Amino acid sequence: MSGKTLTRADLAEALVRKVGLPRNESQDLVELILSEISGTLSRGEHVKLSSFGSFGIRQKGERVGRNPKTGKEVPITPRRVLVFRASNIMKDRINEGMAKLEPNGA
């Protein structure tokens, strides 16, 4: 694994290279897409990107946690969390990519 993180700047640069958009327009487009996804999720709606996966919000109830240093029990308040489920196509792409990285195909 290379350890590189894909950033907004990387996405914008890919638009510049592959689509030919000007750099400022590609940055605006990336921001618009991410803003639309986050806005939709914040309203509690699901986001499905075909051949990629779906994002959703899950409600987690109150539970008891434990401070790892002290061992003291601490209540964890209810909250909403972001969940992602990869599509089968994405899972296949990931597995194919990992198989190429493994030495001797094992």
PDB file of N, CA and C in Angstrom:
ATOM      1  N   MET A   1       0.851  -1.177   0.000  1.00  0.00           N
ATOM      2  CA  MET A   1       0.000   0.000   0.000  1.00  0.00           C
ATOM      3  C   MET A   1       0.891   1.234   0.000  1.00  0.00           C
ATOM      4  N   SER A   2       0.560   2.199  -0.814  1.00  0.00           N
ATOM      5  CA  SER A   2       1.419   3.366  -0.973  1.00  0.00           C
ATOM      6  C   SER A   2       1.280   4.363   0.162  1.00  0.00           C
ATOM      7  N   GLY A   3       0.150   4.384   0.864  1.00  0.00           N
ATOM      8  CA  GLY A   3      -0.038   5.317   1.956  1.00  0.00           C
ATOM      9  C   GLY A   3      -0.467   6.701   1.505  1.00  0.00           C
ATOM     10  N   LYS A   4      -0.667   6.908   0.207  1.00  0.00           N
ATOM     11  CA  LYS A   4      -1.083   8.209  -0.297  1.00  0.00           C
ATOM     12  C   LYS A   4      -2.575   8.390  -0.100  1.00  0.00           C
ATOM     13  N   THR A   5      -2.962   9.586   0.290  1.00  0.00           N
ATOM     14  CA  THR A   5      -4.362   9.938   0.461  1.00  0.00           C
ATOM     15  C   THR A   5      -4.827  10.750  -0.733  1.00  0.00           C
ATOM     16  N   LEU A   6      -5.986  10.401  -1.278  1.00  0.00           N
ATOM     17  CA  LEU A   6      -6.568  11.157  -2.375  1.00  0.00           C
ATOM     18  C   LEU A   6      -7.208  12.414  -1.798  1.00  0.00           C
ATOM     19  N   THR A   7      -6.794  13.573  -2.277  1.00  0.00           N
ATOM     20  CA  THR A   7      -7.282  14.842  -1.750  1.00  0.00           C
ATOM     21  C   THR A   7      -8.178  15.547  -2.758  1.00  0.00           C
ATOM     22  N   ARG A   8      -8.805  16.634  -2.304  1.00  0.00           N
ATOM     23  CA  ARG A   8      -9.613  17.465  -3.207  1.00  0.00           C
ATOM     24  C   ARG A   8      -8.758  17.994  -4.352  1.00  0.00           C
ATOM     25  N   ALA A   9      -7.549  18.384  -4.023  1.00  0.00           N
ATOM     26  CA  ALA A   9      -6.636  18.901  -5.049  1.00  0.00           C
ATOM     27  C   ALA A   9      -6.324  17.821  -6.084  1.00  0.00           C
ATOM     28  N   ASP A  10      -6.179  16.569  -5.642  1.00  0.00           N
ATOM     29  CA  ASP A  10      -5.929  15.461  -6.575  1.00  0.00           C
ATOM     30  C   ASP A  10      -7.117  15.264  -7.509  1.00  0.00           C
ATOM     31  N   LEU A  11      -8.322  15.344  -6.954  1.00  0.00           N
ATOM     32  CA  LEU A  11      -9.526  15.203  -7.786  1.00  0.00           C
ATOM     33  C   LEU A  11      -9.622  16.333  -8.803  1.00  0.00           C
ATOM     34  N   ALA A  12      -9.353  17.553  -8.358  1.00  0.00           N
ATOM     35  CA  ALA A  12      -9.398  18.701  -9.266  1.00  0.00           C
ATOM     36  C   ALA A  12      -8.343  18.558 -10.362  1.00  0.00           C
ATOM     37  N   GLU A  13      -7.163  18.111  -9.998  1.00  0.00           N
ATOM     38  CA  GLU A  13      -6.088  17.929 -10.978  1.00  0.00           C
ATOM     39  C   GLU A  13      -6.454  16.858 -12.002  1.00  0.00           C
ATOM     40  N   ALA A  14      -7.148  15.800 -11.563  1.00  0.00           N
ATOM     41  CA  ALA A  14      -7.596  14.754 -12.494  1.00  0.00           C
ATOM     42  C   ALA A  14      -8.589  15.330 -13.496  1.00  0.00           C
ATOM     43  N   LEU A  15      -9.460  16.236 -13.044  1.00  0.00           N
ATOM     44  CA  LEU A  15     -10.395  16.885 -13.968  1.00  0.00           C
ATOM     45  C   LEU A  15      -9.655  17.753 -14.981  1.00  0.00           C
ATOM     46  N   VAL A  16      -8.629  18.426 -14.524  1.00  0.00           N
ATOM     47  CA  VAL A  16      -7.827  19.254 -15.438  1.00  0.00           C
ATOM     48  C   VAL A  16      -7.198  18.372 -16.512  1.00  0.00           C
ATOM     49  N   ARG A  17      -6.578  17.257 -16.090  1.00  0.00           N
ATOM     50  CA  ARG A  17      -5.868  16.377 -17.025  1.00  0.00           C
ATOM     51  C   ARG A  17      -6.810  15.608 -17.951  1.00  0.00           C
ATOM     52  N   LYS A  18      -7.855  15.029 -17.381  1.00  0.00           N
ATOM     53  CA  LYS A  18      -8.678  14.105 -18.164  1.00  0.00           C
ATOM     54  C   LYS A  18      -9.837  14.767 -18.898  1.00  0.00           C
ATOM     55  N   VAL A  19     -10.366  15.864 -18.373  1.00  0.00           N
ATOM     56  CA  VAL A  19     -11.514  16.516 -19.001  1.00  0.00           C
ATOM     57  C   VAL A  19     -11.100  17.803 -19.702  1.00  0.00           C
ATOM     58  N   GLY A  20     -10.010  18.399 -19.232  1.00  0.00           N
ATOM     59  CA  GLY A  20      -9.536  19.625 -19.849  1.00  0.00           C
ATOM     60  C   GLY A  20     -10.158  20.884 -19.287  1.00  0.00           C
ATOM     61  N   LEU A  21     -10.791  20.775 -18.118  1.00  0.00           N
ATOM     62  CA  LEU A  21     -11.358  21.969 -17.487  1.00  0.00           C
ATOM     63  C   LEU A  21     -10.245  22.866 -16.962  1.00  0.00           C
ATOM     64  N   PRO A  22     -10.489  24.153 -16.932  1.00  0.00           N
ATOM     65  CA  PRO A  22      -9.511  25.040 -16.275  1.00  0.00           C
ATOM     66  C   PRO A  22      -9.407  24.686 -14.786  1.00  0.00           C
ATOM     67  N   ARG A  23      -8.248  24.946 -14.211  1.00  0.00           N
ATOM     68  CA  ARG A  23      -7.976  24.550 -12.825  1.00  0.00           C
ATOM     69  C   ARG A  23      -9.002  25.119 -11.840  1.00  0.00           C
ATOM     70  N   ASN A  24      -9.354  26.407 -11.973  1.00  0.00           N
ATOM     71  CA  ASN A  24     -10.307  27.002 -11.017  1.00  0.00           C
ATOM     72  C   ASN A  24     -11.702  26.393 -11.168  1.00  0.00           C
ATOM     73  N   GLU A  25     -12.112  26.077 -12.395  1.00  0.00           N
ATOM     74  CA  GLU A  25     -13.417  25.449 -12.609  1.00  0.00           C
ATOM     75  C   GLU A  25     -13.440  24.024 -12.057  1.00  0.00           C
ATOM     76  N   SER A  26     -12.330  23.309 -12.210  1.00  0.00           N
ATOM     77  CA  SER A  26     -12.288  21.939 -11.699  1.00  0.00           C
ATOM     78  C   SER A  26     -12.342  21.943 -10.175  1.00  0.00           C
ATOM     79  N   GLN A  27     -11.681  22.904  -9.530  1.00  0.00           N
ATOM     80  CA  GLN A  27     -11.751  23.008  -8.072  1.00  0.00           C
ATOM     81  C   GLN A  27     -13.165  23.345  -7.619  1.00  0.00           C
ATOM     82  N   ASP A  28     -13.829  24.258  -8.334  1.00  0.00           N
ATOM     83  CA  ASP A  28     -15.217  24.613  -8.018  1.00  0.00           C
ATOM     84  C   ASP A  28     -16.148  23.415  -8.184  1.00  0.00           C
ATOM     85  N   LEU A  29     -15.924  22.620  -9.219  1.00  0.00           N
ATOM     86  CA  LEU A  29     -16.757  21.448  -9.469  1.00  0.00           C
ATOM     87  C   LEU A  29     -16.591  20.408  -8.365  1.00  0.00           C
ATOM     88  N   VAL A  30     -15.368  20.156  -7.949  1.00  0.00           N
ATOM     89  CA  VAL A  30     -15.117  19.211  -6.857  1.00  0.00           C
ATOM     90  C   VAL A  30     -15.812  19.692  -5.587  1.00  0.00           C
ATOM     91  N   GLU A  31     -15.690  20.977  -5.274  1.00  0.00           N
ATOM     92  CA  GLU A  31     -16.337  21.533  -4.078  1.00  0.00           C
ATOM     93  C   GLU A  31     -17.855  21.422  -4.174  1.00  0.00           C
ATOM     94  N   LEU A  32     -18.409  21.671  -5.345  1.00  0.00           N
ATOM     95  CA  LEU A  32     -19.854  21.582  -5.546  1.00  0.00           C
ATOM     96  C   LEU A  32     -20.352  20.153  -5.310  1.00  0.00           C
ATOM     97  N   ILE A  33     -19.650  19.188  -5.856  1.00  0.00           N
ATOM     98  CA  ILE A  33     -20.050  17.781  -5.697  1.00  0.00           C
ATOM     99  C   ILE A  33     -19.979  17.368  -4.233  1.00  0.00           C
ATOM    100  N   LEU A  34     -18.874  17.684  -3.569  1.00  0.00           N
ATOM    101  CA  LEU A  34     -18.733  17.304  -2.158  1.00  0.00           C
ATOM    102  C   LEU A  34     -19.744  18.025  -1.279  1.00  0.00           C
ATOM    103  N   SER A  35     -20.040  19.259  -1.602  1.00  0.00           N
ATOM    104  CA  SER A  35     -21.036  20.026  -0.853  1.00  0.00           C
ATOM    105  C   SER A  35     -22.424  19.417  -1.023  1.00  0.00           C
ATOM    106  N   GLU A  36     -22.750  18.999  -2.218  1.00  0.00           N
ATOM    107  CA  GLU A  36     -24.049  18.381  -2.480  1.00  0.00           C
ATOM    108  C   GLU A  36     -24.177  17.059  -1.726  1.00  0.00           C
ATOM    109  N   ILE A  37     -23.118  16.259  -1.717  1.00  0.00           N
ATOM    110  CA  ILE A  37     -23.143  14.989  -0.988  1.00  0.00           C
ATOM    111  C   ILE A  37     -23.311  15.235   0.507  1.00  0.00           C
ATOM    112  N   SER A  38     -22.519  16.136   1.068  1.00  0.00           N
ATOM    113  CA  SER A  38     -22.596  16.378   2.515  1.00  0.00           C
ATOM    114  C   SER A  38     -23.924  17.026   2.903  1.00  0.00           C
ATOM    115  N   GLY A  39     -24.457  17.911   2.073  1.00  0.00           N
ATOM    116  CA  GLY A  39     -25.744  18.530   2.354  1.00  0.00           C
ATOM    117  C   GLY A  39     -26.877  17.511   2.354  1.00  0.00           C
ATOM    118  N   THR A  40     -26.845  16.610   1.401  1.00  0.00           N
ATOM    119  CA  THR A  40     -27.862  15.561   1.311  1.00  0.00           C
ATOM    120  C   THR A  40     -27.796  14.656   2.539  1.00  0.00           C
ATOM    121  N   LEU A  41     -26.592  14.279   2.935  1.00  0.00           N
ATOM    122  CA  LEU A  41     -26.428  13.425   4.113  1.00  0.00           C
ATOM    123  C   LEU A  41     -26.856  14.135   5.391  1.00  0.00           C
ATOM    124  N   SER A  42     -26.564  15.423   5.492  1.00  0.00           N
ATOM    125  CA  SER A  42     -26.927  16.161   6.709  1.00  0.00           C
ATOM    126  C   SER A  42     -28.444  16.285   6.858  1.00  0.00           C
ATOM    127  N   ARG A  43     -29.175  16.166   5.742  1.00  0.00           N
ATOM    128  CA  ARG A  43     -30.645  16.165   5.803  1.00  0.00           C
ATOM    129  C   ARG A  43     -31.194  14.778   6.121  1.00  0.00           C
ATOM    130  N   GLY A  44     -30.294  13.799   6.292  1.00  0.00           N
ATOM    131  CA  GLY A  44     -30.715  12.442   6.636  1.00  0.00           C
ATOM    132  C   GLY A  44     -31.059  11.575   5.449  1.00  0.00           C
ATOM    133  N   GLU A  45     -30.744  12.041   4.249  1.00  0.00           N
ATOM    134  CA  GLU A  45     -31.040  11.279   3.039  1.00  0.00           C
ATOM    135  C   GLU A  45     -29.828  10.436   2.649  1.00  0.00           C
ATOM    136  N   HIS A  46     -30.077   9.384   1.856  1.00  0.00           N
ATOM    137  CA  HIS A  46     -28.998   8.525   1.375  1.00  0.00           C
ATOM    138  C   HIS A  46     -28.419   9.083   0.086  1.00  0.00           C
ATOM    139  N   VAL A  47     -27.154   8.757  -0.174  1.00  0.00           N
ATOM    140  CA  VAL A  47     -26.490   9.128  -1.425  1.00  0.00           C
ATOM    141  C   VAL A  47     -25.984   7.844  -2.059  1.00  0.00           C
ATOM    142  N   LYS A  48     -26.403   7.581  -3.289  1.00  0.00           N
ATOM    143  CA  LYS A  48     -25.967   6.383  -4.000  1.00  0.00           C
ATOM    144  C   LYS A  48     -25.223   6.797  -5.257  1.00  0.00           C
ATOM    145  N   LEU A  49     -23.986   6.344  -5.375  1.00  0.00           N
ATOM    146  CA  LEU A  49     -23.174   6.605  -6.557  1.00  0.00           C
ATOM    147  C   LEU A  49     -23.006   5.277  -7.291  1.00  0.00           C
ATOM    148  N   SER A  50     -23.655   5.156  -8.425  1.00  0.00           N
ATOM    149  CA  SER A  50     -23.662   3.913  -9.179  1.00  0.00           C
ATOM    150  C   SER A  50     -22.241   3.427  -9.441  1.00  0.00           C
ATOM    151  N   SER A  51     -22.017   2.147  -9.282  1.00  0.00           N
ATOM    152  CA  SER A  51     -20.723   1.474  -9.485  1.00  0.00           C
ATOM    153  C   SER A  51     -19.669   1.900  -8.461  1.00  0.00           C
ATOM    154  N   PHE A  52     -20.048   2.667  -7.464  1.00  0.00           N
ATOM    155  CA  PHE A  52     -19.105   3.093  -6.422  1.00  0.00           C
ATOM    156  C   PHE A  52     -19.578   2.615  -5.066  1.00  0.00           C
ATOM    157  N   GLY A  53     -20.728   3.120  -4.617  1.00  0.00           N
ATOM    158  CA  GLY A  53     -21.265   2.710  -3.331  1.00  0.00           C
ATOM    159  C   GLY A  53     -22.316   3.679  -2.853  1.00  0.00           C
ATOM    160  N   SER A  54     -22.764   3.473  -1.618  1.00  0.00           N
ATOM    161  CA  SER A  54     -23.783   4.358  -1.075  1.00  0.00           C
ATOM    162  C   SER A  54     -23.378   4.825   0.318  1.00  0.00           C
ATOM    163  N   PHE A  55     -23.756   6.063   0.600  1.00  0.00           N
ATOM    164  CA  PHE A  55     -23.520   6.680   1.890  1.00  0.00           C
ATOM    165  C   PHE A  55     -24.861   6.826   2.582  1.00  0.00           C
ATOM    166  N   GLY A  56     -24.868   6.645   3.882  1.00  0.00           N
ATOM    167  CA  GLY A  56     -26.094   6.819   4.638  1.00  0.00           C
ATOM    168  C   GLY A  56     -25.782   7.256   6.053  1.00  0.00           C
ATOM    169  N   ILE A  57     -26.834   7.530   6.794  1.00  0.00           N
ATOM    170  CA  ILE A  57     -26.707   7.940   8.182  1.00  0.00           C
ATOM    171  C   ILE A  57     -27.371   6.865   9.036  1.00  0.00           C
ATOM    172  N   ARG A  58     -26.692   6.456  10.095  1.00  0.00           N
ATOM    173  CA  ARG A  58     -27.235   5.471  11.027  1.00  0.00           C
ATOM    174  C   ARG A  58     -27.332   6.112  12.403  1.00  0.00           C
ATOM    175  N   GLN A  59     -28.440   5.894  13.070  1.00  0.00           N
ATOM    176  CA  GLN A  59     -28.641   6.411  14.427  1.00  0.00           C
ATOM    177  C   GLN A  59     -28.096   5.390  15.416  1.00  0.00           C
ATOM    178  N   LYS A  60     -27.185   5.828  16.277  1.00  0.00           N
ATOM    179  CA  LYS A  60     -26.648   4.951  17.317  1.00  0.00           C
ATOM    180  C   LYS A  60     -27.234   5.384  18.652  1.00  0.00           C
ATOM    181  N   GLY A  61     -27.678   4.432  19.413  1.00  0.00           N
ATOM    182  CA  GLY A  61     -28.277   4.720  20.707  1.00  0.00           C
ATOM    183  C   GLY A  61     -27.241   4.979  21.781  1.00  0.00           C
ATOM    184  N   GLU A  62     -27.728   5.380  22.940  1.00  0.00           N
ATOM    185  CA  GLU A  62     -26.831   5.607  24.072  1.00  0.00           C
ATOM    186  C   GLU A  62     -26.272   4.265  24.533  1.00  0.00           C
ATOM    187  N   ARG A  63     -25.019   4.278  24.944  1.00  0.00           N
ATOM    188  CA  ARG A  63     -24.391   3.062  25.452  1.00  0.00           C
ATOM    189  C   ARG A  63     -23.343   3.431  26.475  1.00  0.00           C
ATOM    190  N   VAL A  64     -22.820   2.428  27.130  1.00  0.00           N
ATOM    191  CA  VAL A  64     -21.791   2.652  28.141  1.00  0.00           C
ATOM    192  C   VAL A  64     -20.445   2.289  27.534  1.00  0.00           C
ATOM    193  N   GLY A  65     -19.502   3.224  27.623  1.00  0.00           N
ATOM    194  CA  GLY A  65     -18.142   2.985  27.163  1.00  0.00           C
ATOM    195  C   GLY A  65     -17.210   2.930  28.354  1.00  0.00           C
ATOM    196  N   ARG A  66     -15.950   2.711  28.078  1.00  0.00           N
ATOM    197  CA  ARG A  66     -14.976   2.619  29.150  1.00  0.00           C
ATOM    198  C   ARG A  66     -13.734   3.413  28.782  1.00  0.00           C
ATOM    199  N   ASN A  67     -13.276   4.267  29.700  1.00  0.00           N
ATOM    200  CA  ASN A  67     -12.035   5.006  29.497  1.00  0.00           C
ATOM    201  C   ASN A  67     -10.893   3.994  29.529  1.00  0.00           C
ATOM    202  N   PRO A  68     -10.126   3.883  28.437  1.00  0.00           N
ATOM    203  CA  PRO A  68      -9.070   2.870  28.394  1.00  0.00           C
ATOM    204  C   PRO A  68      -7.951   3.101  29.417  1.00  0.00           C
ATOM    205  N   LYS A  69      -7.725   4.341  29.807  1.00  0.00           N
ATOM    206  CA  LYS A  69      -6.657   4.612  30.784  1.00  0.00           C
ATOM    207  C   LYS A  69      -7.076   4.256  32.203  1.00  0.00           C
ATOM    208  N   THR A  70      -8.290   4.685  32.563  1.00  0.00           N
ATOM    209  CA  THR A  70      -8.719   4.523  33.957  1.00  0.00           C
ATOM    210  C   THR A  70      -9.635   3.330  34.168  1.00  0.00           C
ATOM    211  N   GLY A  71     -10.260   2.842  33.111  1.00  0.00           N
ATOM    212  CA  GLY A  71     -11.207   1.748  33.244  1.00  0.00           C
ATOM    213  C   GLY A  71     -12.577   2.213  33.720  1.00  0.00           C
ATOM    214  N   LYS A  72     -12.734   3.512  33.934  1.00  0.00           N
ATOM    215  CA  LYS A  72     -13.995   4.068  34.431  1.00  0.00           C
ATOM    216  C   LYS A  72     -15.051   4.028  33.331  1.00  0.00           C
ATOM    217  N   GLU A  73     -16.281   3.618  33.709  1.00  0.00           N
ATOM    218  CA  GLU A  73     -17.383   3.596  32.758  1.00  0.00           C
ATOM    219  C   GLU A  73     -17.863   5.017  32.485  1.00  0.00           C
ATOM    220  N   VAL A  74     -18.124   5.287  31.208  1.00  0.00           N
ATOM    221  CA  VAL A  74     -18.552   6.619  30.779  1.00  0.00           C
ATOM    222  C   VAL A  74     -19.737   6.451  29.836  1.00  0.00           C
ATOM    223  N   PRO A  75     -20.824   7.204  30.025  1.00  0.00           N
ATOM    224  CA  PRO A  75     -21.942   7.094  29.078  1.00  0.00           C
ATOM    225  C   PRO A  75     -21.578   7.762  27.744  1.00  0.00           C
ATOM    226  N   ILE A  76     -21.922   7.082  26.667  1.00  0.00           N
ATOM    227  CA  ILE A  76     -21.715   7.628  25.324  1.00  0.00           C
ATOM    228  C   ILE A  76     -23.092   8.047  24.814  1.00  0.00           C
ATOM    229  N   THR A  77     -23.228   9.313  24.471  1.00  0.00           N
ATOM    230  CA  THR A  77     -24.524   9.866  24.085  1.00  0.00           C
ATOM    231  C   THR A  77     -24.968   9.329  22.722  1.00  0.00           C
ATOM    232  N   PRO A  78     -26.278   9.308  22.487  1.00  0.00           N
ATOM    233  CA  PRO A  78     -26.773   8.889  21.165  1.00  0.00           C
ATOM    234  C   PRO A  78     -26.290   9.862  20.094  1.00  0.00           C
ATOM    235  N   ARG A  79     -26.068   9.337  18.911  1.00  0.00           N
ATOM    236  CA  ARG A  79     -25.591  10.207  17.830  1.00  0.00           C
ATOM    237  C   ARG A  79     -25.862   9.552  16.485  1.00  0.00           C
ATOM    238  N   ARG A  80     -25.724  10.373  15.463  1.00  0.00           N
ATOM    239  CA  ARG A  80     -25.837   9.883  14.095  1.00  0.00           C
ATOM    240  C   ARG A  80     -24.427   9.705  13.542  1.00  0.00           C
ATOM    241  N   VAL A  81     -24.216   8.620  12.805  1.00  0.00           N
ATOM    242  CA  VAL A  81     -22.894   8.351  12.232  1.00  0.00           C
ATOM    243  C   VAL A  81     -23.023   8.095  10.733  1.00  0.00           C
ATOM    244  N   LEU A  82     -21.982   8.429  10.016  1.00  0.00           N
ATOM    245  CA  LEU A  82     -21.920   8.208   8.579  1.00  0.00           C
ATOM    246  C   LEU A  82     -21.515   6.767   8.313  1.00  0.00           C
ATOM    247  N   VAL A  83     -22.203   6.110   7.392  1.00  0.00           N
ATOM    248  CA  VAL A  83     -21.846   4.752   6.996  1.00  0.00           C
ATOM    249  C   VAL A  83     -21.670   4.720   5.480  1.00  0.00           C
ATOM    250  N   PHE A  84     -20.764   3.870   5.026  1.00  0.00           N
ATOM    251  CA  PHE A  84     -20.527   3.699   3.595  1.00  0.00           C
ATOM    252  C   PHE A  84     -20.584   2.225   3.270  1.00  0.00           C
ATOM    253  N   ARG A  85     -21.266   1.904   2.206  1.00  0.00           N
ATOM    254  CA  ARG A  85     -21.325   0.517   1.739  1.00  0.00           C
ATOM    255  C   ARG A  85     -20.872   0.514   0.283  1.00  0.00           C
ATOM    256  N   ALA A  86     -19.773  -0.174   0.027  1.00  0.00           N
ATOM    257  CA  ALA A  86     -19.230  -0.241  -1.330  1.00  0.00           C
ATOM    258  C   ALA A  86     -20.112  -1.120  -2.207  1.00  0.00           C
ATOM    259  N   SER A  87     -20.238  -0.741  -3.481  1.00  0.00           N
ATOM    260  CA  SER A  87     -20.993  -1.559  -4.425  1.00  0.00           C
ATOM    261  C   SER A  87     -20.195  -2.819  -4.743  1.00  0.00           C
ATOM    262  N   ASN A  88     -20.877  -3.815  -5.280  1.00  0.00           N
ATOM    263  CA  ASN A  88     -20.179  -5.050  -5.659  1.00  0.00           C
ATOM    264  C   ASN A  88     -19.133  -4.781  -6.731  1.00  0.00           C
ATOM    265  N   ILE A  89     -19.410  -3.850  -7.626  1.00  0.00           N
ATOM    266  CA  ILE A  89     -18.444  -3.493  -8.672  1.00  0.00           C
ATOM    267  C   ILE A  89     -17.185  -2.914  -8.031  1.00  0.00           C
ATOM    268  N   MET A  90     -17.363  -2.016  -7.043  1.00  0.00           N
ATOM    269  CA  MET A  90     -16.207  -1.426  -6.364  1.00  0.00           C
ATOM    270  C   MET A  90     -15.429  -2.496  -5.598  1.00  0.00           C
ATOM    271  N   LYS A  91     -16.136  -3.390  -4.928  1.00  0.00           N
ATOM    272  CA  LYS A  91     -15.463  -4.468  -4.191  1.00  0.00           C
ATOM    273  C   LYS A  91     -14.622  -5.315  -5.133  1.00  0.00           C
ATOM    274  N   ASP A  92     -15.170  -5.625  -6.315  1.00  0.00           N
ATOM    275  CA  ASP A  92     -14.423  -6.414  -7.296  1.00  0.00           C
ATOM    276  C   ASP A  92     -13.181  -5.661  -7.768  1.00  0.00           C
ATOM    277  N   ARG A  93     -13.315  -4.355  -8.030  1.00  0.00           N
ATOM    278  CA  ARG A  93     -12.160  -3.550  -8.459  1.00  0.00           C
ATOM    279  C   ARG A  93     -11.071  -3.547  -7.394  1.00  0.00           C
ATOM    280  N   ILE A  94     -11.489  -3.391  -6.144  1.00  0.00           N
ATOM    281  CA  ILE A  94     -10.518  -3.371  -5.039  1.00  0.00           C
ATOM    282  C   ILE A  94      -9.803  -4.714  -4.932  1.00  0.00           C
ATOM    283  N   ASN A  95     -10.573  -5.798  -5.001  1.00  0.00           N
ATOM    284  CA  ASN A  95      -9.966  -7.123  -4.890  1.00  0.00           C
ATOM    285  C   ASN A  95      -9.041  -7.430  -6.051  1.00  0.00           C
ATOM    286  N   GLU A  96      -9.405  -6.995  -7.260  1.00  0.00           N
ATOM    287  CA  GLU A  96      -8.528  -7.180  -8.411  1.00  0.00           C
ATOM    288  C   GLU A  96      -7.239  -6.390  -8.244  1.00  0.00           C
ATOM    289  N   GLY A  97      -7.352  -5.167  -7.744  1.00  0.00           N
ATOM    290  CA  GLY A  97      -6.165  -4.336  -7.507  1.00  0.00           C
ATOM    291  C   GLY A  97      -5.254  -4.942  -6.457  1.00  0.00           C
ATOM    292  N   MET A  98      -5.840  -5.489  -5.393  1.00  0.00           N
ATOM    293  CA  MET A  98      -5.040  -6.101  -4.328  1.00  0.00           C
ATOM    294  C   MET A  98      -4.345  -7.363  -4.840  1.00  0.00           C
ATOM    295  N   ALA A  99      -5.029  -8.124  -5.715  1.00  0.00           N
ATOM    296  CA  ALA A  99      -4.430  -9.340  -6.258  1.00  0.00           C
ATOM    297  C   ALA A  99      -3.210  -9.009  -7.090  1.00  0.00           C
ATOM    298  N   LYS A 100      -3.238  -7.866  -7.790  1.00  0.00           N
ATOM    299  CA  LYS A 100      -2.090  -7.459  -8.604  1.00  0.00           C
ATOM    300  C   LYS A 100      -0.901  -7.057  -7.738  1.00  0.00           C
ATOM    301  N   LEU A 101      -1.186  -6.559  -6.532  1.00  0.00           N
ATOM    302  CA  LEU A 101      -0.111  -6.125  -5.624  1.00  0.00           C
ATOM    303  C   LEU A 101       0.549  -7.267  -4.883  1.00  0.00           C
ATOM    304  N   GLU A 102      -0.159  -8.401  -4.751  1.00  0.00           N
ATOM    305  CA  GLU A 102       0.371  -9.525  -3.990  1.00  0.00           C
ATOM    306  C   GLU A 102       1.429 -10.244  -4.807  1.00  0.00           C
ATOM    307  N   PRO A 103       2.560 -10.562  -4.194  1.00  0.00           N
ATOM    308  CA  PRO A 103       3.619 -11.273  -4.921  1.00  0.00           C
ATOM    309  C   PRO A 103       3.167 -12.697  -5.247  1.00  0.00           C
ATOM    310  N   ASN A 104       3.517 -13.166  -6.443  1.00  0.00           N
ATOM    311  CA  ASN A 104       3.217 -14.525  -6.920  1.00  0.00           C
ATOM    312  C   ASN A 104       1.732 -14.821  -6.964  1.00  0.00           C
ATOM    313  N   GLY A 105       0.878 -13.789  -6.984  1.00  0.00           N
ATOM    314  CA  GLY A 105      -0.553 -13.994  -7.088  1.00  0.00           C
ATOM    315  C   GLY A 105      -1.183 -14.682  -5.893  1.00  0.00           C
ATOM    316  N   ALA A 106      -0.449 -14.768  -4.781  1.00  0.00           N
ATOM    317  CA  ALA A 106      -0.983 -15.467  -3.595  1.00  0.00           C
ATOM    318  C   ALA A 106      -1.424 -14.505  -2.537  1.00  0.00           C
TER     319      ALA A 106
END
